[in-house]
Amino acid sequence: MLRHELQPGKLVTGTLLILVGVLYAGDARGAWETPWFVAVPLVTGGLFLAGAVGFLTGRVRRRRTSGRTTTDEPGPDRAA
């Protein structure tokens, strides 16, 4: 299986949307009563949280890659 880059923002979005689906599925089966207006703050807050997580992930990844430099000169540990 090919490895891929982890994207935490999409993970947060998917988790919140699954939660909303489970809430309304439970309401449809009669397990509990979910008001119609519950989905709006959950989805809106989840998308905001996913955007913040995605932004922070991008900043961390950009900082990690900008700190790595390669040189052709031998370092102090390597003899020329």
C-alpha atoms as a PDB file:
ATOM      1  CA  MET A   1       0.000   0.000   0.000  1.00  0.00           C
ATOM      2  CA  LEU A   2       1.331   3.416  -0.898  1.00  0.00           C
ATOM      3  CA  ARG A   3       2.024   5.771   1.964  1.00  0.00           C
ATOM      4  CA  HIS A   4       0.466   9.192   1.805  1.00  0.00           C
ATOM      5  CA  GLU A   5       0.786  12.448   3.644  1.00  0.00           C
ATOM      6  CA  LEU A   6      -1.369  12.731   6.777  1.00  0.00           C
ATOM      7  CA  GLN A   7      -3.779  15.657   6.582  1.00  0.00           C
ATOM      8  CA  PRO A   8      -5.165  16.364  10.074  1.00  0.00           C
ATOM      9  CA  GLY A   9      -7.611  19.019   8.844  1.00  0.00           C
ATOM     10  CA  LYS A  10      -9.419  16.476   6.674  1.00  0.00           C
ATOM     11  CA  LEU A  11      -9.371  14.019   9.587  1.00  0.00           C
ATOM     12  CA  VAL A  12     -11.110  16.573  11.843  1.00  0.00           C
ATOM     13  CA  THR A  13     -13.670  17.402   9.148  1.00  0.00           C
ATOM     14  CA  GLY A  14     -14.480  13.754   8.497  1.00  0.00           C
ATOM     15  CA  THR A  15     -14.808  12.959  12.184  1.00  0.00           C
ATOM     16  CA  LEU A  16     -17.219  15.846  12.808  1.00  0.00           C
ATOM     17  CA  LEU A  17     -19.347  15.037   9.783  1.00  0.00           C
ATOM     18  CA  ILE A  18     -19.547  11.389  10.865  1.00  0.00           C
ATOM     19  CA  LEU A  19     -20.628  12.590  14.331  1.00  0.00           C
ATOM     20  CA  VAL A  20     -23.433  14.686  12.797  1.00  0.00           C
ATOM     21  CA  GLY A  21     -24.491  11.691  10.692  1.00  0.00           C
ATOM     22  CA  VAL A  22     -24.577   9.439  13.758  1.00  0.00           C
ATOM     23  CA  LEU A  23     -26.635  12.003  15.680  1.00  0.00           C
ATOM     24  CA  TYR A  24     -29.259  12.201  12.964  1.00  0.00           C
ATOM     25  CA  ALA A  25     -29.206   8.433  12.345  1.00  0.00           C
ATOM     26  CA  GLY A  26     -29.952   7.908  16.046  1.00  0.00           C
ATOM     27  CA  ASP A  27     -32.759  10.442  15.783  1.00  0.00           C
ATOM     28  CA  ALA A  28     -34.198   8.691  12.728  1.00  0.00           C
ATOM     29  CA  ARG A  29     -34.186   5.318  14.513  1.00  0.00           C
ATOM     30  CA  GLY A  30     -35.865   6.820  17.569  1.00  0.00           C
ATOM     31  CA  ALA A  31     -32.958   6.267  19.972  1.00  0.00           C
ATOM     32  CA  TRP A  32     -32.921   9.946  20.968  1.00  0.00           C
ATOM     33  CA  GLU A  33     -34.316  13.299  19.896  1.00  0.00           C
ATOM     34  CA  THR A  34     -31.945  15.601  18.011  1.00  0.00           C
ATOM     35  CA  PRO A  35     -33.193  19.141  17.279  1.00  0.00           C
ATOM     36  CA  TRP A  36     -32.834  20.276  13.676  1.00  0.00           C
ATOM     37  CA  PHE A  37     -30.554  23.199  14.571  1.00  0.00           C
ATOM     38  CA  VAL A  38     -27.817  21.072  16.167  1.00  0.00           C
ATOM     39  CA  ALA A  39     -26.058  20.364  12.869  1.00  0.00           C
ATOM     40  CA  VAL A  40     -25.354  24.004  12.004  1.00  0.00           C
ATOM     41  CA  PRO A  41     -23.022  24.833  14.927  1.00  0.00           C
ATOM     42  CA  LEU A  42     -21.405  21.393  14.793  1.00  0.00           C
ATOM     43  CA  VAL A  43     -20.594  21.622  11.095  1.00  0.00           C
ATOM     44  CA  THR A  44     -19.603  25.289  11.252  1.00  0.00           C
ATOM     45  CA  GLY A  45     -17.415  24.800  14.319  1.00  0.00           C
ATOM     46  CA  GLY A  46     -15.927  21.647  12.837  1.00  0.00           C
ATOM     47  CA  LEU A  47     -15.019  23.397   9.598  1.00  0.00           C
ATOM     48  CA  PHE A  48     -13.472  26.271  11.546  1.00  0.00           C
ATOM     49  CA  LEU A  49     -11.482  23.826  13.678  1.00  0.00           C
ATOM     50  CA  ALA A  50     -10.388  21.887  10.590  1.00  0.00           C
ATOM     51  CA  GLY A  51      -9.225  25.112   8.948  1.00  0.00           C
ATOM     52  CA  ALA A  52      -7.207  26.055  12.026  1.00  0.00           C
ATOM     53  CA  VAL A  53      -5.654  22.585  12.221  1.00  0.00           C
ATOM     54  CA  GLY A  54      -4.849  22.655   8.500  1.00  0.00           C
ATOM     55  CA  PHE A  55      -3.267  26.090   8.823  1.00  0.00           C
ATOM     56  CA  LEU A  56      -1.123  25.013  11.769  1.00  0.00           C
ATOM     57  CA  THR A  57      -0.111  21.808  10.001  1.00  0.00           C
ATOM     58  CA  GLY A  58       0.996  23.799   6.962  1.00  0.00           C
ATOM     59  CA  ARG A  59       3.021  26.178   9.129  1.00  0.00           C
ATOM     60  CA  VAL A  60       4.756  23.324  10.952  1.00  0.00           C
ATOM     61  CA  ARG A  61       5.567  21.499   7.720  1.00  0.00           C
ATOM     62  CA  ARG A  62       6.855  24.671   6.079  1.00  0.00           C
ATOM     63  CA  ARG A  63       9.080  25.389   9.065  1.00  0.00           C
ATOM     64  CA  ARG A  64      10.489  21.846   9.064  1.00  0.00           C
ATOM     65  CA  THR A  65      11.353  21.850   5.375  1.00  0.00           C
ATOM     66  CA  SER A  66      12.851  25.360   5.396  1.00  0.00           C
ATOM     67  CA  GLY A  67      15.258  24.402   8.183  1.00  0.00           C
ATOM     68  CA  ARG A  68      16.817  21.578   6.207  1.00  0.00           C
ATOM     69  CA  THR A  69      19.728  22.563   4.021  1.00  0.00           C
ATOM     70  CA  THR A  70      22.172  20.441   2.093  1.00  0.00           C
ATOM     71  CA  THR A  71      25.770  21.306   1.396  1.00  0.00           C
ATOM     72  CA  ASP A  72      28.380  19.588  -0.697  1.00  0.00           C
ATOM     73  CA  GLU A  73      31.128  20.404   1.758  1.00  0.00           C
ATOM     74  CA  PRO A  74      32.153  17.741   4.255  1.00  0.00           C
ATOM     75  CA  GLY A  75      31.107  18.442   7.804  1.00  0.00           C
ATOM     76  CA  PRO A  76      33.303  18.256  10.902  1.00  0.00           C
ATOM     77  CA  ASP A  77      32.537  14.545  11.275  1.00  0.00           C
ATOM     78  CA  ARG A  78      33.537  13.575   7.736  1.00  0.00           C
ATOM     79  CA  ALA A  79      37.049  13.635   6.402  1.00  0.00           C
ATOM     80  CA  ALA A  80      37.604  15.080   2.958  1.00  0.00           C
END
